[in-house]
Amino acid sequence: MTNLINRAKYAVSGEDGASNLEIIVWFSVVLVIATILFLFRDAITGFIEKATSRVANWTDGGTGSDK
């Protein structure tokens, strides 16, 4: 077990190890965001559709000249 920990410490030390760790963190963040978007896709789609219909029903403030 200590050998595994020592190898992990060696792998993340130095410039190359820090770069690899940074890539792993970025992939993790992107995966979490993609998962959240996938899980809430119906709610997001409904929100966008509701907002689109509300904006489509806007008028210019009562002057009667919609453009």
Foldseek 3Di string as FASTA:
>chain_A
DVVVVVVLVVQLPDDNNVVVVVVVVVVVVVVVVVVVCVVCVVVVVVVVVVVVVVVVPDAPPPPPDRD
